[in-house]
Amino acid sequence: MNCIHCGKKFTCGCQKAKGADGFTVCKKCVQVYNVGLTQQKVARRSAEAAQKFKRSIRHNETLNKNDRATRATR
């Protein structure tokens, strides 16, 4: 079995550690590996928030167009 972070082969069970996502990494890599997972999660949440914001702007623009069209027909 190898560390999924650095690829080093485990020669003993005492070298193994579990990452925050449950994968097996070596004890030397576990902290760096977990920080990387956290950074990926934050980046993913930021991207999702940006997409939500863009959708809400488009939705509001559509509502405004519909409202203007309704007023014009009156």
PDB file of N, CA and C in Angstrom:
ATOM      1  N   MET A   1       0.852  -1.176   0.000  1.00  0.00           N
ATOM      2  CA  MET A   1       0.000   0.000   0.000  1.00  0.00           C
ATOM      3  C   MET A   1       0.902   1.244   0.000  1.00  0.00           C
ATOM      4  N   ASN A   2       0.453   2.281  -0.691  1.00  0.00           N
ATOM      5  CA  ASN A   2       1.224   3.521  -0.789  1.00  0.00           C
ATOM      6  C   ASN A   2       0.432   4.711  -0.256  1.00  0.00           C
ATOM      7  N   CYS A   3       1.145   5.740   0.134  1.00  0.00           N
ATOM      8  CA  CYS A   3       0.538   7.013   0.534  1.00  0.00           C
ATOM      9  C   CYS A   3      -0.080   7.656  -0.718  1.00  0.00           C
ATOM     10  N   ILE A   4      -1.332   8.071  -0.643  1.00  0.00           N
ATOM     11  CA  ILE A   4      -1.954   8.661  -1.828  1.00  0.00           C
ATOM     12  C   ILE A   4      -1.492  10.093  -2.075  1.00  0.00           C
ATOM     13  N   HIS A   5      -0.801  10.676  -1.099  1.00  0.00           N
ATOM     14  CA  HIS A   5      -0.301  12.044  -1.264  1.00  0.00           C
ATOM     15  C   HIS A   5       1.083  12.066  -1.916  1.00  0.00           C
ATOM     16  N   CYS A   6       2.019  11.326  -1.341  1.00  0.00           N
ATOM     17  CA  CYS A   6       3.396  11.369  -1.854  1.00  0.00           C
ATOM     18  C   CYS A   6       3.796  10.114  -2.632  1.00  0.00           C
ATOM     19  N   GLY A   7       3.013   9.037  -2.490  1.00  0.00           N
ATOM     20  CA  GLY A   7       3.309   7.808  -3.213  1.00  0.00           C
ATOM     21  C   GLY A   7       4.285   6.882  -2.516  1.00  0.00           C
ATOM     22  N   LYS A   8       4.771   7.272  -1.343  1.00  0.00           N
ATOM     23  CA  LYS A   8       5.743   6.454  -0.609  1.00  0.00           C
ATOM     24  C   LYS A   8       5.096   5.140  -0.160  1.00  0.00           C
ATOM     25  N   LYS A   9       5.850   4.040  -0.302  1.00  0.00           N
ATOM     26  CA  LYS A   9       5.349   2.727   0.092  1.00  0.00           C
ATOM     27  C   LYS A   9       5.463   2.580   1.609  1.00  0.00           C
ATOM     28  N   PHE A  10       4.402   2.067   2.214  1.00  0.00           N
ATOM     29  CA  PHE A  10       4.416   1.813   3.655  1.00  0.00           C
ATOM     30  C   PHE A  10       5.167   0.509   3.925  1.00  0.00           C
ATOM     31  N   THR A  11       6.149   0.578   4.809  1.00  0.00           N
ATOM     32  CA  THR A  11       6.882  -0.627   5.181  1.00  0.00           C
ATOM     33  C   THR A  11       6.426  -1.147   6.532  1.00  0.00           C
ATOM     34  N   CYS A  12       5.653  -0.307   7.243  1.00  0.00           N
ATOM     35  CA  CYS A  12       5.205  -0.659   8.581  1.00  0.00           C
ATOM     36  C   CYS A  12       3.868   0.041   8.838  1.00  0.00           C
ATOM     37  N   GLY A  13       2.998  -0.566   9.620  1.00  0.00           N
ATOM     38  CA  GLY A  13       1.701   0.028   9.936  1.00  0.00           C
ATOM     39  C   GLY A  13       1.801   1.315  10.733  1.00  0.00           C
ATOM     40  N   CYS A  14       2.925   1.513  11.434  1.00  0.00           N
ATOM     41  CA  CYS A  14       3.078   2.713  12.254  1.00  0.00           C
ATOM     42  C   CYS A  14       3.271   3.972  11.405  1.00  0.00           C
ATOM     43  N   GLN A  15       3.491   3.815  10.111  1.00  0.00           N
ATOM     44  CA  GLN A  15       3.664   4.958   9.212  1.00  0.00           C
ATOM     45  C   GLN A  15       2.336   5.475   8.671  1.00  0.00           C
ATOM     46  N   LYS A  16       1.276   4.708   8.868  1.00  0.00           N
ATOM     47  CA  LYS A  16      -0.009   5.053   8.284  1.00  0.00           C
ATOM     48  C   LYS A  16      -0.792   6.025   9.162  1.00  0.00           C
ATOM     49  N   ALA A  17      -1.549   6.887   8.491  1.00  0.00           N
ATOM     50  CA  ALA A  17      -2.470   7.788   9.174  1.00  0.00           C
ATOM     51  C   ALA A  17      -3.672   7.976   8.253  1.00  0.00           C
ATOM     52  N   LYS A  18      -4.808   8.324   8.814  1.00  0.00           N
ATOM     53  CA  LYS A  18      -6.009   8.555   8.014  1.00  0.00           C
ATOM     54  C   LYS A  18      -6.157  10.046   7.765  1.00  0.00           C
ATOM     55  N   GLY A  19      -6.399  10.409   6.518  1.00  0.00           N
ATOM     56  CA  GLY A  19      -6.693  11.789   6.182  1.00  0.00           C
ATOM     57  C   GLY A  19      -8.124  12.122   6.587  1.00  0.00           C
ATOM     58  N   ALA A  20      -8.480  13.391   6.528  1.00  0.00           N
ATOM     59  CA  ALA A  20      -9.814  13.836   6.923  1.00  0.00           C
ATOM     60  C   ALA A  20     -10.908  13.203   6.072  1.00  0.00           C
ATOM     61  N   ASP A  21     -10.574  12.781   4.866  1.00  0.00           N
ATOM     62  CA  ASP A  21     -11.550  12.151   3.980  1.00  0.00           C
ATOM     63  C   ASP A  21     -11.548  10.628   4.090  1.00  0.00           C
ATOM     64  N   GLY A  22     -10.721  10.087   5.004  1.00  0.00           N
ATOM     65  CA  GLY A  22     -10.691   8.655   5.238  1.00  0.00           C
ATOM     66  C   GLY A  22      -9.644   7.886   4.462  1.00  0.00           C
ATOM     67  N   PHE A  23      -8.958   8.527   3.527  1.00  0.00           N
ATOM     68  CA  PHE A  23      -7.912   7.852   2.768  1.00  0.00           C
ATOM     69  C   PHE A  23      -6.650   7.713   3.614  1.00  0.00           C
ATOM     70  N   THR A  24      -5.849   6.708   3.296  1.00  0.00           N
ATOM     71  CA  THR A  24      -4.628   6.442   4.051  1.00  0.00           C
ATOM     72  C   THR A  24      -3.464   7.216   3.460  1.00  0.00           C
ATOM     73  N   VAL A  25      -2.813   7.995   4.318  1.00  0.00           N
ATOM     74  CA  VAL A  25      -1.623   8.760   3.941  1.00  0.00           C
ATOM     75  C   VAL A  25      -0.547   8.478   4.983  1.00  0.00           C
ATOM     76  N   CYS A  26       0.696   8.839   4.676  1.00  0.00           N
ATOM     77  CA  CYS A  26       1.756   8.622   5.666  1.00  0.00           C
ATOM     78  C   CYS A  26       1.706   9.736   6.721  1.00  0.00           C
ATOM     79  N   LYS A  27       2.271   9.454   7.876  1.00  0.00           N
ATOM     80  CA  LYS A  27       2.222  10.411   8.981  1.00  0.00           C
ATOM     81  C   LYS A  27       2.930  11.720   8.646  1.00  0.00           C
ATOM     82  N   LYS A  28       3.906  11.670   7.744  1.00  0.00           N
ATOM     83  CA  LYS A  28       4.613  12.888   7.353  1.00  0.00           C
ATOM     84  C   LYS A  28       3.723  13.787   6.496  1.00  0.00           C
ATOM     85  N   CYS A  29       2.786  13.196   5.772  1.00  0.00           N
ATOM     86  CA  CYS A  29       1.947  13.952   4.831  1.00  0.00           C
ATOM     87  C   CYS A  29       0.589  14.351   5.394  1.00  0.00           C
ATOM     88  N   VAL A  30       0.144  13.758   6.484  1.00  0.00           N
ATOM     89  CA  VAL A  30      -1.247  13.889   6.909  1.00  0.00           C
ATOM     90  C   VAL A  30      -1.669  15.344   7.123  1.00  0.00           C
ATOM     91  N   GLN A  31      -0.821  16.178   7.716  1.00  0.00           N
ATOM     92  CA  GLN A  31      -1.205  17.574   7.957  1.00  0.00           C
ATOM     93  C   GLN A  31      -1.325  18.355   6.650  1.00  0.00           C
ATOM     94  N   VAL A  32      -0.352  18.202   5.787  1.00  0.00           N
ATOM     95  CA  VAL A  32      -0.379  18.901   4.497  1.00  0.00           C
ATOM     96  C   VAL A  32      -1.570  18.421   3.673  1.00  0.00           C
ATOM     97  N   TYR A  33      -1.818  17.124   3.708  1.00  0.00           N
ATOM     98  CA  TYR A  33      -2.932  16.538   2.963  1.00  0.00           C
ATOM     99  C   TYR A  33      -4.268  17.121   3.440  1.00  0.00           C
ATOM    100  N   ASN A  34      -4.461  17.189   4.755  1.00  0.00           N
ATOM    101  CA  ASN A  34      -5.707  17.717   5.311  1.00  0.00           C
ATOM    102  C   ASN A  34      -5.887  19.202   5.003  1.00  0.00           C
ATOM    103  N   VAL A  35      -4.806  19.977   5.021  1.00  0.00           N
ATOM    104  CA  VAL A  35      -4.888  21.394   4.657  1.00  0.00           C
ATOM    105  C   VAL A  35      -5.329  21.538   3.203  1.00  0.00           C
ATOM    106  N   GLY A  36      -4.787  20.701   2.346  1.00  0.00           N
ATOM    107  CA  GLY A  36      -5.180  20.712   0.933  1.00  0.00           C
ATOM    108  C   GLY A  36      -6.658  20.403   0.752  1.00  0.00           C
ATOM    109  N   LEU A  37      -7.178  19.444   1.536  1.00  0.00           N
ATOM    110  CA  LEU A  37      -8.604  19.117   1.466  1.00  0.00           C
ATOM    111  C   LEU A  37      -9.446  20.314   1.889  1.00  0.00           C
ATOM    112  N   THR A  38      -9.031  20.985   2.949  1.00  0.00           N
ATOM    113  CA  THR A  38      -9.760  22.154   3.446  1.00  0.00           C
ATOM    114  C   THR A  38      -9.760  23.265   2.403  1.00  0.00           C
ATOM    115  N   GLN A  39      -8.626  23.498   1.770  1.00  0.00           N
ATOM    116  CA  GLN A  39      -8.540  24.542   0.750  1.00  0.00           C
ATOM    117  C   GLN A  39      -9.422  24.217  -0.448  1.00  0.00           C
ATOM    118  N   GLN A  40      -9.484  22.955  -0.828  1.00  0.00           N
ATOM    119  CA  GLN A  40     -10.353  22.541  -1.937  1.00  0.00           C
ATOM    120  C   GLN A  40     -11.813  22.774  -1.586  1.00  0.00           C
ATOM    121  N   LYS A  41     -12.174  22.463  -0.330  1.00  0.00           N
ATOM    122  CA  LYS A  41     -13.555  22.636   0.104  1.00  0.00           C
ATOM    123  C   LYS A  41     -13.941  24.112   0.084  1.00  0.00           C
ATOM    124  N   VAL A  42     -13.041  24.982   0.559  1.00  0.00           N
ATOM    125  CA  VAL A  42     -13.312  26.433   0.572  1.00  0.00           C
ATOM    126  C   VAL A  42     -13.444  26.955  -0.851  1.00  0.00           C
ATOM    127  N   ALA A  43     -12.565  26.525  -1.735  1.00  0.00           N
ATOM    128  CA  ALA A  43     -12.624  26.970  -3.131  1.00  0.00           C
ATOM    129  C   ALA A  43     -13.922  26.518  -3.790  1.00  0.00           C
ATOM    130  N   ARG A  44     -14.339  25.300  -3.495  1.00  0.00           N
ATOM    131  CA  ARG A  44     -15.581  24.769  -4.071  1.00  0.00           C
ATOM    132  C   ARG A  44     -16.780  25.564  -3.563  1.00  0.00           C
ATOM    133  N   ARG A  45     -16.794  25.886  -2.262  1.00  0.00           N
ATOM    134  CA  ARG A  45     -17.898  26.673  -1.696  1.00  0.00           C
ATOM    135  C   ARG A  45     -17.925  28.075  -2.279  1.00  0.00           C
ATOM    136  N   SER A  46     -16.756  28.674  -2.483  1.00  0.00           N
ATOM    137  CA  SER A  46     -16.691  30.013  -3.074  1.00  0.00           C
ATOM    138  C   SER A  46     -17.235  30.000  -4.497  1.00  0.00           C
ATOM    139  N   ALA A  47     -16.882  28.989  -5.256  1.00  0.00           N
ATOM    140  CA  ALA A  47     -17.366  28.872  -6.632  1.00  0.00           C
ATOM    141  C   ALA A  47     -18.882  28.681  -6.651  1.00  0.00           C
ATOM    142  N   GLU A  48     -19.399  27.874  -5.731  1.00  0.00           N
ATOM    143  CA  GLU A  48     -20.842  27.659  -5.657  1.00  0.00           C
ATOM    144  C   GLU A  48     -21.565  28.946  -5.280  1.00  0.00           C
ATOM    145  N   ALA A  49     -20.995  29.712  -4.351  1.00  0.00           N
ATOM    146  CA  ALA A  49     -21.603  30.980  -3.946  1.00  0.00           C
ATOM    147  C   ALA A  49     -21.618  31.967  -5.106  1.00  0.00           C
ATOM    148  N   ALA A  50     -20.550  31.996  -5.878  1.00  0.00           N
ATOM    149  CA  ALA A  50     -20.490  32.897  -7.037  1.00  0.00           C
ATOM    150  C   ALA A  50     -21.543  32.509  -8.069  1.00  0.00           C
ATOM    151  N   GLN A  51     -21.731  31.221  -8.291  1.00  0.00           N
ATOM    152  CA  GLN A  51     -22.746  30.762  -9.241  1.00  0.00           C
ATOM    153  C   GLN A  51     -24.147  31.120  -8.768  1.00  0.00           C
ATOM    154  N   LYS A  52     -24.405  30.951  -7.460  1.00  0.00           N
ATOM    155  CA  LYS A  52     -25.706  31.321  -6.904  1.00  0.00           C
ATOM    156  C   LYS A  52     -25.968  32.808  -7.092  1.00  0.00           C
ATOM    157  N   PHE A  53     -24.960  33.614  -6.836  1.00  0.00           N
ATOM    158  CA  PHE A  53     -25.086  35.062  -6.972  1.00  0.00           C
ATOM    159  C   PHE A  53     -25.415  35.433  -8.413  1.00  0.00           C
ATOM    160  N   LYS A  54     -24.714  34.822  -9.373  1.00  0.00           N
ATOM    161  CA  LYS A  54     -24.976  35.102 -10.786  1.00  0.00           C
ATOM    162  C   LYS A  54     -26.394  34.703 -11.169  1.00  0.00           C
ATOM    163  N   ARG A  55     -26.851  33.545 -10.663  1.00  0.00           N
ATOM    164  CA  ARG A  55     -28.222  33.106 -10.958  1.00  0.00           C
ATOM    165  C   ARG A  55     -29.242  34.082 -10.388  1.00  0.00           C
ATOM    166  N   SER A  56     -29.005  34.582  -9.178  1.00  0.00           N
ATOM    167  CA  SER A  56     -29.961  35.505  -8.566  1.00  0.00           C
ATOM    168  C   SER A  56     -30.002  36.824  -9.336  1.00  0.00           C
ATOM    169  N   ILE A  57     -28.861  37.278  -9.835  1.00  0.00           N
ATOM    170  CA  ILE A  57     -28.835  38.510 -10.636  1.00  0.00           C
ATOM    171  C   ILE A  57     -29.633  38.298 -11.918  1.00  0.00           C
ATOM    172  N   ARG A  58     -29.412  37.175 -12.588  1.00  0.00           N
ATOM    173  CA  ARG A  58     -30.160  36.887 -13.820  1.00  0.00           C
ATOM    174  C   ARG A  58     -31.657  36.781 -13.543  1.00  0.00           C
ATOM    175  N   HIS A  59     -32.011  36.159 -12.424  1.00  0.00           N
ATOM    176  CA  HIS A  59     -33.414  36.018 -12.059  1.00  0.00           C
ATOM    177  C   HIS A  59     -34.038  37.402 -11.822  1.00  0.00           C
ATOM    178  N   ASN A  60     -33.332  38.259 -11.109  1.00  0.00           N
ATOM    179  CA  ASN A  60     -33.838  39.608 -10.844  1.00  0.00           C
ATOM    180  C   ASN A  60     -33.972  40.407 -12.136  1.00  0.00           C
ATOM    181  N   GLU A  61     -33.041  40.250 -13.047  1.00  0.00           N
ATOM    182  CA  GLU A  61     -33.128  40.944 -14.334  1.00  0.00           C
ATOM    183  C   GLU A  61     -34.354  40.482 -15.105  1.00  0.00           C
ATOM    184  N   THR A  62     -34.624  39.187 -15.063  1.00  0.00           N
ATOM    185  CA  THR A  62     -35.807  38.641 -15.738  1.00  0.00           C
ATOM    186  C   THR A  62     -37.084  39.199 -15.114  1.00  0.00           C
ATOM    187  N   LEU A  63     -37.125  39.253 -13.790  1.00  0.00           N
ATOM    188  CA  LEU A  63     -38.294  39.804 -13.108  1.00  0.00           C
ATOM    189  C   LEU A  63     -38.497  41.271 -13.482  1.00  0.00           C
ATOM    190  N   ASN A  64     -37.411  42.023 -13.548  1.00  0.00           N
ATOM    191  CA  ASN A  64     -37.503  43.432 -13.907  1.00  0.00           C
ATOM    192  C   ASN A  64     -38.015  43.604 -15.333  1.00  0.00           C
ATOM    193  N   LYS A  65     -37.557  42.773 -16.253  1.00  0.00           N
ATOM    194  CA  LYS A  65     -38.029  42.841 -17.646  1.00  0.00           C
ATOM    195  C   LYS A  65     -39.514  42.538 -17.709  1.00  0.00           C
ATOM    196  N   ASN A  66     -39.937  41.499 -16.992  1.00  0.00           N
ATOM    197  CA  ASN A  66     -41.353  41.128 -16.984  1.00  0.00           C
ATOM    198  C   ASN A  66     -42.205  42.229 -16.371  1.00  0.00           C
ATOM    199  N   ASP A  67     -41.705  42.860 -15.333  1.00  0.00           N
ATOM    200  CA  ASP A  67     -42.437  43.940 -14.677  1.00  0.00           C
ATOM    201  C   ASP A  67     -42.568  45.141 -15.623  1.00  0.00           C
ATOM    202  N   ARG A  68     -41.503  45.470 -16.326  1.00  0.00           N
ATOM    203  CA  ARG A  68     -41.559  46.583 -17.291  1.00  0.00           C
ATOM    204  C   ARG A  68     -42.527  46.276 -18.433  1.00  0.00           C
ATOM    205  N   ALA A  69     -42.527  45.023 -18.882  1.00  0.00           N
ATOM    206  CA  ALA A  69     -43.433  44.625 -19.970  1.00  0.00           C
ATOM    207  C   ALA A  69     -44.888  44.708 -19.505  1.00  0.00           C
ATOM    208  N   THR A  70     -45.158  44.328 -18.280  1.00  0.00           N
ATOM    209  CA  THR A  70     -46.512  44.405 -17.743  1.00  0.00           C
ATOM    210  C   THR A  70     -46.969  45.847 -17.634  1.00  0.00           C
ATOM    211  N   ARG A  71     -46.093  46.709 -17.181  1.00  0.00           N
ATOM    212  CA  ARG A  71     -46.437  48.134 -17.054  1.00  0.00           C
ATOM    213  C   ARG A  71     -46.676  48.764 -18.419  1.00  0.00           C
ATOM    214  N   ALA A  72     -45.938  48.325 -19.415  1.00  0.00           N
ATOM    215  CA  ALA A  72     -46.079  48.903 -20.755  1.00  0.00           C
ATOM    216  C   ALA A  72     -47.417  48.535 -21.391  1.00  0.00           C
ATOM    217  N   THR A  73     -47.958  47.400 -21.021  1.00  0.00           N
ATOM    218  CA  THR A  73     -49.223  46.961 -21.612  1.00  0.00           C
ATOM    219  C   THR A  73     -50.422  47.588 -20.950  1.00  0.00           C
ATOM    220  N   ARG A  74     -50.248  48.225 -19.827  1.00  0.00           N
ATOM    221  CA  ARG A  74     -51.373  48.844 -19.106  1.00  0.00           C
ATOM    222  C   ARG A  74     -51.751  50.142 -19.706  1.00  0.00           C
TER     223      ARG A  74
END
